[in-house]
């Protein structure tokens, strides 16, 4: 895909790429220049470790929007494909 930068320096990430990367409006992004390549990736979610009964679990450090069903299903299918499983 090809995109351009406008006069204000803004870059439009094509909707298909945003959808596949689960990038929503307001998603913090890391932008780096490395070895002649511009890299853009969503920032990892900051978490804190909390004890839930006998388990230690990672919980978001700040409020985050609920996961959409489509995002969960897409992730499940990607994991299944990467493990060589057939799509249910």
PDB file of N, CA and C in Angstrom:
ATOM      1  N   UNK A   1       0.827  -1.174   0.000  1.00  0.00           N
ATOM      2  CA  UNK A   1       0.000   0.000   0.000  1.00  0.00           C
ATOM      3  C   UNK A   1       0.874   1.240   0.000  1.00  0.00           C
ATOM      4  N   UNK A   2       0.378   2.244  -0.639  1.00  0.00           N
ATOM      5  CA  UNK A   2       1.109   3.506  -0.699  1.00  0.00           C
ATOM      6  C   UNK A   2       0.278   4.574  -0.014  1.00  0.00           C
ATOM      7  N   UNK A   3       0.930   5.409   0.774  1.00  0.00           N
ATOM      8  CA  UNK A   3       0.285   6.542   1.420  1.00  0.00           C
ATOM      9  C   UNK A   3       1.240   7.716   1.350  1.00  0.00           C
ATOM     10  N   UNK A   4       0.781   8.891   1.700  1.00  0.00           N
ATOM     11  CA  UNK A   4       1.639  10.066   1.671  1.00  0.00           C
ATOM     12  C   UNK A   4       1.546  10.806   2.998  1.00  0.00           C
ATOM     13  N   UNK A   5       2.472  11.706   3.196  1.00  0.00           N
ATOM     14  CA  UNK A   5       2.481  12.571   4.368  1.00  0.00           C
ATOM     15  C   UNK A   5       1.993  13.936   3.915  1.00  0.00           C
ATOM     16  N   UNK A   6       1.069  14.529   4.693  1.00  0.00           N
ATOM     17  CA  UNK A   6       0.562  15.846   4.301  1.00  0.00           C
ATOM     18  C   UNK A   6       1.524  16.945   4.744  1.00  0.00           C
ATOM     19  N   UNK A   7       1.189  18.192   4.420  1.00  0.00           N
ATOM     20  CA  UNK A   7       2.060  19.330   4.713  1.00  0.00           C
ATOM     21  C   UNK A   7       2.304  19.514   6.207  1.00  0.00           C
ATOM     22  N   UNK A   8       1.381  19.040   7.042  1.00  0.00           N
ATOM     23  CA  UNK A   8       1.545  19.154   8.501  1.00  0.00           C
ATOM     24  C   UNK A   8       2.363  17.998   9.064  1.00  0.00           C
ATOM     25  N   UNK A   9       2.794  17.054   8.217  1.00  0.00           N
ATOM     26  CA  UNK A   9       3.606  15.925   8.667  1.00  0.00           C
ATOM     27  C   UNK A   9       2.787  14.730   9.118  1.00  0.00           C
ATOM     28  N   UNK A  10       1.480  14.731   8.845  1.00  0.00           N
ATOM     29  CA  UNK A  10       0.616  13.626   9.255  1.00  0.00           C
ATOM     30  C   UNK A  10       0.640  12.522   8.213  1.00  0.00           C
ATOM     31  N   UNK A  11       0.610  11.309   8.713  1.00  0.00           N
ATOM     32  CA  UNK A  11       0.613  10.118   7.873  1.00  0.00           C
ATOM     33  C   UNK A  11      -0.700   9.390   8.084  1.00  0.00           C
ATOM     34  N   UNK A  12      -1.376   9.045   7.008  1.00  0.00           N
ATOM     35  CA  UNK A  12      -2.600   8.258   7.123  1.00  0.00           C
ATOM     36  C   UNK A  12      -2.214   6.794   6.964  1.00  0.00           C
ATOM     37  N   UNK A  13      -2.529   6.001   7.989  1.00  0.00           N
ATOM     38  CA  UNK A  13      -2.304   4.561   7.911  1.00  0.00           C
ATOM     39  C   UNK A  13      -3.558   3.961   7.300  1.00  0.00           C
ATOM     40  N   UNK A  14      -3.423   3.231   6.198  1.00  0.00           N
ATOM     41  CA  UNK A  14      -4.606   2.689   5.518  1.00  0.00           C
ATOM     42  C   UNK A  14      -5.482   1.870   6.468  1.00  0.00           C
ATOM     43  N   UNK A  15      -6.797   1.936   6.253  1.00  0.00           N
ATOM     44  CA  UNK A  15      -7.753   1.286   7.155  1.00  0.00           C
ATOM     45  C   UNK A  15      -7.515  -0.214   7.283  1.00  0.00           C
ATOM     46  N   UNK A  16      -7.126  -0.876   6.197  1.00  0.00           N
ATOM     47  CA  UNK A  16      -6.871  -2.322   6.270  1.00  0.00           C
ATOM     48  C   UNK A  16      -5.727  -2.618   7.230  1.00  0.00           C
ATOM     49  N   UNK A  17      -4.678  -1.804   7.190  1.00  0.00           N
ATOM     50  CA  UNK A  17      -3.534  -1.990   8.088  1.00  0.00           C
ATOM     51  C   UNK A  17      -3.954  -1.701   9.527  1.00  0.00           C
ATOM     52  N   UNK A  18      -4.711  -0.617   9.725  1.00  0.00           N
ATOM     53  CA  UNK A  18      -5.188  -0.293  11.081  1.00  0.00           C
ATOM     54  C   UNK A  18      -6.043  -1.422  11.632  1.00  0.00           C
ATOM     55  N   UNK A  19      -6.915  -1.972  10.813  1.00  0.00           N
ATOM     56  CA  UNK A  19      -7.789  -3.057  11.254  1.00  0.00           C
ATOM     57  C   UNK A  19      -6.975  -4.295  11.629  1.00  0.00           C
ATOM     58  N   UNK A  20      -6.040  -4.684  10.772  1.00  0.00           N
ATOM     59  CA  UNK A  20      -5.225  -5.876  11.043  1.00  0.00           C
ATOM     60  C   UNK A  20      -4.354  -5.704  12.292  1.00  0.00           C
ATOM     61  N   UNK A  21      -3.885  -4.473  12.526  1.00  0.00           N
ATOM     62  CA  UNK A  21      -3.019  -4.204  13.684  1.00  0.00           C
ATOM     63  C   UNK A  21      -3.821  -3.807  14.922  1.00  0.00           C
ATOM     64  N   UNK A  22      -5.153  -3.779  14.800  1.00  0.00           N
ATOM     65  CA  UNK A  22      -6.036  -3.373  15.909  1.00  0.00           C
ATOM     66  C   UNK A  22      -5.671  -1.994  16.439  1.00  0.00           C
ATOM     67  N   UNK A  23      -5.402  -1.070  15.522  1.00  0.00           N
ATOM     68  CA  UNK A  23      -5.081   0.305  15.911  1.00  0.00           C
ATOM     69  C   UNK A  23      -6.365   1.120  15.842  1.00  0.00           C
ATOM     70  N   UNK A  24      -6.778   1.634  16.988  1.00  0.00           N
ATOM     71  CA  UNK A  24      -7.987   2.448  17.106  1.00  0.00           C
ATOM     72  C   UNK A  24      -7.572   3.913  17.258  1.00  0.00           C
ATOM     73  N   UNK A  25      -8.483   4.847  17.024  1.00  0.00           N
ATOM     74  CA  UNK A  25      -8.148   6.251  17.286  1.00  0.00           C
ATOM     75  C   UNK A  25      -7.697   6.429  18.735  1.00  0.00           C
ATOM     76  N   UNK A  26      -6.609   7.157  18.925  1.00  0.00           N
ATOM     77  CA  UNK A  26      -6.076   7.378  20.273  1.00  0.00           C
ATOM     78  C   UNK A  26      -5.058   6.347  20.719  1.00  0.00           C
ATOM     79  N   UNK A  27      -4.817   5.314  19.913  1.00  0.00           N
ATOM     80  CA  UNK A  27      -3.824   4.297  20.273  1.00  0.00           C
ATOM     81  C   UNK A  27      -2.434   4.918  20.264  1.00  0.00           C
ATOM     82  N   UNK A  28      -1.697   4.830  21.386  1.00  0.00           N
ATOM     83  CA  UNK A  28      -0.325   5.357  21.378  1.00  0.00           C
ATOM     84  C   UNK A  28       0.567   4.489  20.481  1.00  0.00           C
ATOM     85  N   UNK A  29       1.394   5.142  19.688  1.00  0.00           N
ATOM     86  CA  UNK A  29       2.287   4.437  18.767  1.00  0.00           C
ATOM     87  C   UNK A  29       3.735   4.816  19.032  1.00  0.00           C
ATOM     88  N   UNK A  30       4.625   3.847  18.918  1.00  0.00           N
ATOM     89  CA  UNK A  30       6.065   4.120  18.950  1.00  0.00           C
ATOM     90  C   UNK A  30       6.520   4.299  17.509  1.00  0.00           C
ATOM     91  N   UNK A  31       7.264   5.364  17.241  1.00  0.00           N
ATOM     92  CA  UNK A  31       7.800   5.622  15.903  1.00  0.00           C
ATOM     93  C   UNK A  31       9.309   5.704  16.027  1.00  0.00           C
ATOM     94  N   UNK A  32      10.020   4.887  15.240  1.00  0.00           N
ATOM     95  CA  UNK A  32      11.483   4.836  15.303  1.00  0.00           C
ATOM     96  C   UNK A  32      12.080   4.914  13.903  1.00  0.00           C
ATOM     97  N   UNK A  33      13.277   5.434  13.852  1.00  0.00           N
ATOM     98  CA  UNK A  33      14.104   5.411  12.642  1.00  0.00           C
ATOM     99  C   UNK A  33      15.229   4.438  12.943  1.00  0.00           C
ATOM    100  N   UNK A  34      15.303   3.336  12.200  1.00  0.00           N
ATOM    101  CA  UNK A  34      16.317   2.324  12.463  1.00  0.00           C
ATOM    102  C   UNK A  34      16.861   1.787  11.147  1.00  0.00           C
ATOM    103  N   UNK A  35      18.138   1.933  10.944  1.00  0.00           N
ATOM    104  CA  UNK A  35      18.800   1.393   9.744  1.00  0.00           C
ATOM    105  C   UNK A  35      18.089   1.802   8.453  1.00  0.00           C
ATOM    106  N   UNK A  36      17.693   3.072   8.358  1.00  0.00           N
ATOM    107  CA  UNK A  36      17.082   3.587   7.146  1.00  0.00           C
ATOM    108  C   UNK A  36      15.617   3.230   6.976  1.00  0.00           C
ATOM    109  N   UNK A  37      14.995   2.666   8.008  1.00  0.00           N
ATOM    110  CA  UNK A  37      13.591   2.256   7.929  1.00  0.00           C
ATOM    111  C   UNK A  37      12.811   2.941   9.047  1.00  0.00           C
ATOM    112  N   UNK A  38      11.639   3.477   8.715  1.00  0.00           N
ATOM    113  CA  UNK A  38      10.751   4.041   9.725  1.00  0.00           C
ATOM    114  C   UNK A  38       9.869   2.912  10.226  1.00  0.00           C
ATOM    115  N   UNK A  39       9.876   2.683  11.531  1.00  0.00           N
ATOM    116  CA  UNK A  39       9.069   1.631  12.145  1.00  0.00           C
ATOM    117  C   UNK A  39       7.971   2.284  12.991  1.00  0.00           C
ATOM    118  N   UNK A  40       6.755   1.810  12.825  1.00  0.00           N
ATOM    119  CA  UNK A  40       5.615   2.299  13.601  1.00  0.00           C
ATOM    120  C   UNK A  40       4.950   1.074  14.216  1.00  0.00           C
ATOM    121  N   UNK A  41       4.800   1.075  15.539  1.00  0.00           N
ATOM    122  CA  UNK A  41       4.104  -0.039  16.174  1.00  0.00           C
ATOM    123  C   UNK A  41       3.332   0.440  17.394  1.00  0.00           C
ATOM    124  N   UNK A  42       2.214  -0.229  17.686  1.00  0.00           N
ATOM    125  CA  UNK A  42       1.459   0.144  18.875  1.00  0.00           C
ATOM    126  C   UNK A  42       2.316  -0.050  20.125  1.00  0.00           C
ATOM    127  N   UNK A  43       2.197   0.895  21.063  1.00  0.00           N
ATOM    128  CA  UNK A  43       2.925   0.757  22.324  1.00  0.00           C
ATOM    129  C   UNK A  43       2.368  -0.424  23.090  1.00  0.00           C
ATOM    130  N   UNK A  44       3.228  -1.151  23.788  1.00  0.00           N
ATOM    131  CA  UNK A  44       2.714  -2.246  24.610  1.00  0.00           C
ATOM    132  C   UNK A  44       1.847  -1.684  25.735  1.00  0.00           C
ATOM    133  N   UNK A  45       0.841  -2.422  26.114  1.00  0.00           N
ATOM    134  CA  UNK A  45      -0.040  -2.016  27.195  1.00  0.00           C
ATOM    135  C   UNK A  45       0.718  -2.117  28.518  1.00  0.00           C
ATOM    136  N   UNK A  46       0.721  -1.029  29.284  1.00  0.00           N
ATOM    137  CA  UNK A  46       1.378  -1.064  30.590  1.00  0.00           C
ATOM    138  C   UNK A  46       0.503  -1.864  31.541  1.00  0.00           C
ATOM    139  N   UNK A  47       1.126  -2.785  32.259  1.00  0.00           N
ATOM    140  CA  UNK A  47       0.393  -3.637  33.195  1.00  0.00           C
ATOM    141  C   UNK A  47       1.063  -3.610  34.561  1.00  0.00           C
ATOM    142  N   UNK A  48       0.283  -3.993  35.554  1.00  0.00           N
ATOM    143  CA  UNK A  48       0.824  -4.188  36.901  1.00  0.00           C
ATOM    144  C   UNK A  48       0.434  -5.597  37.316  1.00  0.00           C
ATOM    145  N   UNK A  49       1.275  -6.208  38.131  1.00  0.00           N
ATOM    146  CA  UNK A  49       0.987  -7.565  38.578  1.00  0.00           C
ATOM    147  C   UNK A  49       0.140  -7.503  39.838  1.00  0.00           C
ATOM    148  N   UNK A  50      -0.953  -8.269  39.833  1.00  0.00           N
ATOM    149  CA  UNK A  50      -1.864  -8.319  40.968  1.00  0.00           C
ATOM    150  C   UNK A  50      -2.089  -9.763  41.362  1.00  0.00           C
ATOM    151  N   UNK A  51      -2.270  -9.964  42.634  1.00  0.00           N
ATOM    152  CA  UNK A  51      -2.575 -11.310  43.121  1.00  0.00           C
ATOM    153  C   UNK A  51      -4.088 -11.499  43.087  1.00  0.00           C
ATOM    154  N   UNK A  52      -4.538 -12.559  42.425  1.00  0.00           N
ATOM    155  CA  UNK A  52      -5.952 -12.957  42.384  1.00  0.00           C
ATOM    156  C   UNK A  52      -6.013 -14.356  42.979  1.00  0.00           C
ATOM    157  N   UNK A  53      -6.329 -14.406  44.260  1.00  0.00           N
ATOM    158  CA  UNK A  53      -6.303 -15.706  44.937  1.00  0.00           C
ATOM    159  C   UNK A  53      -4.868 -16.196  44.997  1.00  0.00           C
ATOM    160  N   UNK A  54      -4.627 -17.394  44.470  1.00  0.00           N
ATOM    161  CA  UNK A  54      -3.264 -17.943  44.458  1.00  0.00           C
ATOM    162  C   UNK A  54      -2.497 -17.567  43.206  1.00  0.00           C
ATOM    163  N   UNK A  55      -3.156 -16.880  42.267  1.00  0.00           N
ATOM    164  CA  UNK A  55      -2.520 -16.551  40.993  1.00  0.00           C
ATOM    165  C   UNK A  55      -1.986 -15.127  40.980  1.00  0.00           C
ATOM    166  N   UNK A  56      -0.916 -14.916  40.243  1.00  0.00           N
ATOM    167  CA  UNK A  56      -0.382 -13.584  39.967  1.00  0.00           C
ATOM    168  C   UNK A  56      -0.746 -13.266  38.524  1.00  0.00           C
ATOM    169  N   UNK A  57      -1.547 -12.212  38.323  1.00  0.00           N
ATOM    170  CA  UNK A  57      -2.027 -11.897  36.975  1.00  0.00           C
ATOM    171  C   UNK A  57      -1.616 -10.489  36.580  1.00  0.00           C
ATOM    172  N   UNK A  58      -1.516 -10.252  35.271  1.00  0.00           N
ATOM    173  CA  UNK A  58      -1.208  -8.923  34.747  1.00  0.00           C
ATOM    174  C   UNK A  58      -2.521  -8.194  34.515  1.00  0.00           C
ATOM    175  N   UNK A  59      -2.624  -6.981  35.070  1.00  0.00           N
ATOM    176  CA  UNK A  59      -3.823  -6.153  34.895  1.00  0.00           C
ATOM    177  C   UNK A  59      -3.390  -4.827  34.290  1.00  0.00           C
ATOM    178  N   UNK A  60      -4.212  -4.224  33.430  1.00  0.00           N
ATOM    179  CA  UNK A  60      -3.844  -2.932  32.842  1.00  0.00           C
ATOM    180  C   UNK A  60      -3.579  -1.894  33.931  1.00  0.00           C
ATOM    181  N   UNK A  61      -2.542  -1.086  33.743  1.00  0.00           N
ATOM    182  CA  UNK A  61      -2.197  -0.043  34.716  1.00  0.00           C
ATOM    183  C   UNK A  61      -3.189   1.118  34.630  1.00  0.00           C
ATOM    184  N   UNK A  62      -3.851   1.294  33.503  1.00  0.00           N
ATOM    185  CA  UNK A  62      -4.837   2.358  33.319  1.00  0.00           C
ATOM    186  C   UNK A  62      -6.081   1.752  32.674  1.00  0.00           C
ATOM    187  N   UNK A  63      -7.162   2.508  32.702  1.00  0.00           N
ATOM    188  CA  UNK A  63      -8.401   2.035  32.053  1.00  0.00           C
ATOM    189  C   UNK A  63      -8.177   1.851  30.560  1.00  0.00           C
ATOM    190  N   UNK A  64      -8.678   0.762  30.052  1.00  0.00           N
ATOM    191  CA  UNK A  64      -8.595   0.496  28.611  1.00  0.00           C
ATOM    192  C   UNK A  64      -9.979   0.115  28.108  1.00  0.00           C
ATOM    193  N   UNK A  65     -10.278   0.391  26.831  1.00  0.00           N
ATOM    194  CA  UNK A  65     -11.580  -0.007  26.303  1.00  0.00           C
ATOM    195  C   UNK A  65     -11.707  -1.525  26.261  1.00  0.00           C
ATOM    196  N   UNK A  66     -12.933  -1.999  26.346  1.00  0.00           N
ATOM    197  CA  UNK A  66     -13.167  -3.442  26.266  1.00  0.00           C
ATOM    198  C   UNK A  66     -12.750  -3.968  24.899  1.00  0.00           C
ATOM    199  N   UNK A  67     -12.299  -5.204  24.881  1.00  0.00           N
ATOM    200  CA  UNK A  67     -11.961  -5.833  23.605  1.00  0.00           C
ATOM    201  C   UNK A  67     -13.244  -6.087  22.827  1.00  0.00           C
ATOM    202  N   UNK A  68     -13.174  -5.823  21.544  1.00  0.00           N
ATOM    203  CA  UNK A  68     -14.311  -6.117  20.681  1.00  0.00           C
ATOM    204  C   UNK A  68     -14.283  -7.597  20.309  1.00  0.00           C
ATOM    205  N   UNK A  69     -15.446  -8.161  20.111  1.00  0.00           N
ATOM    206  CA  UNK A  69     -15.548  -9.572  19.738  1.00  0.00           C
ATOM    207  C   UNK A  69     -14.749  -9.853  18.474  1.00  0.00           C
ATOM    208  N   UNK A  70     -14.815  -8.947  17.507  1.00  0.00           N
ATOM    209  CA  UNK A  70     -14.082  -9.147  16.248  1.00  0.00           C
ATOM    210  C   UNK A  70     -12.575  -9.230  16.495  1.00  0.00           C
ATOM    211  N   UNK A  71     -12.064  -8.425  17.423  1.00  0.00           N
ATOM    212  CA  UNK A  71     -10.629  -8.452  17.728  1.00  0.00           C
ATOM    213  C   UNK A  71     -10.246  -9.782  18.356  1.00  0.00           C
ATOM    214  N   UNK A  72     -11.064 -10.265  19.287  1.00  0.00           N
ATOM    215  CA  UNK A  72     -10.787 -11.546  19.948  1.00  0.00           C
ATOM    216  C   UNK A  72     -10.812 -12.676  18.931  1.00  0.00           C
ATOM    217  N   UNK A  73     -11.840 -12.705  18.075  1.00  0.00           N
ATOM    218  CA  UNK A  73     -11.946 -13.769  17.082  1.00  0.00           C
ATOM    219  C   UNK A  73     -10.791 -13.737  16.086  1.00  0.00           C
ATOM    220  N   UNK A  74     -10.415 -12.534  15.627  1.00  0.00           N
ATOM    221  CA  UNK A  74      -9.294 -12.423  14.696  1.00  0.00           C
ATOM    222  C   UNK A  74      -8.017 -12.954  15.345  1.00  0.00           C
ATOM    223  N   UNK A  75      -7.797 -12.617  16.613  1.00  0.00           N
ATOM    224  CA  UNK A  75      -6.601 -13.082  17.322  1.00  0.00           C
ATOM    225  C   UNK A  75      -6.636 -14.596  17.488  1.00  0.00           C
ATOM    226  N   UNK A  76      -7.802 -15.145  17.841  1.00  0.00           N
ATOM    227  CA  UNK A  76      -7.916 -16.603  17.983  1.00  0.00           C
ATOM    228  C   UNK A  76      -7.560 -17.320  16.676  1.00  0.00           C
ATOM    229  N   UNK A  77      -8.077 -16.804  15.567  1.00  0.00           N
ATOM    230  CA  UNK A  77      -7.802 -17.431  14.272  1.00  0.00           C
ATOM    231  C   UNK A  77      -6.334 -17.295  13.888  1.00  0.00           C
ATOM    232  N   UNK A  78      -5.723 -16.155  14.176  1.00  0.00           N
ATOM    233  CA  UNK A  78      -4.300 -15.977  13.875  1.00  0.00           C
ATOM    234  C   UNK A  78      -3.448 -16.942  14.678  1.00  0.00           C
ATOM    235  N   UNK A  79      -3.773 -17.119  15.956  1.00  0.00           N
ATOM    236  CA  UNK A  79      -3.018 -18.054  16.801  1.00  0.00           C
ATOM    237  C   UNK A  79      -3.198 -19.477  16.290  1.00  0.00           C
ATOM    238  N   UNK A  80      -4.435 -19.835  15.953  1.00  0.00           N
ATOM    239  CA  UNK A  80      -4.692 -21.181  15.429  1.00  0.00           C
ATOM    240  C   UNK A  80      -3.915 -21.432  14.145  1.00  0.00           C
ATOM    241  N   UNK A  81      -3.905 -20.438  13.236  1.00  0.00           N
ATOM    242  CA  UNK A  81      -3.149 -20.593  11.982  1.00  0.00           C
ATOM    243  C   UNK A  81      -1.660 -20.739  12.252  1.00  0.00           C
ATOM    244  N   UNK A  82      -1.140 -19.949  13.191  1.00  0.00           N
ATOM    245  CA  UNK A  82       0.300 -20.008  13.465  1.00  0.00           C
ATOM    246  C   UNK A  82       0.698 -21.350  14.085  1.00  0.00           C
ATOM    247  N   UNK A  83      -0.259 -22.017  14.723  1.00  0.00           N
ATOM    248  CA  UNK A  83       0.000 -23.341  15.310  1.00  0.00           C
ATOM    249  C   UNK A  83      -0.312 -24.469  14.348  1.00  0.00           C
ATOM    250  N   UNK A  84      -0.785 -24.124  13.157  1.00  0.00           N
ATOM    251  CA  UNK A  84      -1.073 -25.134  12.149  1.00  0.00           C
ATOM    252  C   UNK A  84      -2.441 -25.769  12.296  1.00  0.00           C
ATOM    253  N   UNK A  85      -3.272 -25.217  13.156  1.00  0.00           N
ATOM    254  CA  UNK A  85      -4.613 -25.787  13.337  1.00  0.00           C
ATOM    255  C   UNK A  85      -5.523 -25.299  12.220  1.00  0.00           C
ATOM    256  N   UNK A  86      -6.566 -26.064  11.973  1.00  0.00           N
ATOM    257  CA  UNK A  86      -7.553 -25.644  10.986  1.00  0.00           C
ATOM    258  C   UNK A  86      -8.492 -24.653  11.604  1.00  0.00           C
ATOM    259  N   UNK A  87      -9.043 -23.792  10.775  1.00  0.00           N
ATOM    260  CA  UNK A  87     -10.002 -22.787  11.212  1.00  0.00           C
ATOM    261  C   UNK A  87     -11.293 -23.488  11.631  1.00  0.00           C
ATOM    262  N   UNK A  88     -11.821 -23.160  12.834  1.00  0.00           N
ATOM    263  CA  UNK A  88     -13.054 -23.827  13.285  1.00  0.00           C
ATOM    264  C   UNK A  88     -14.243 -23.437  12.463  1.00  0.00           C
TER     265      UNK A  88
END
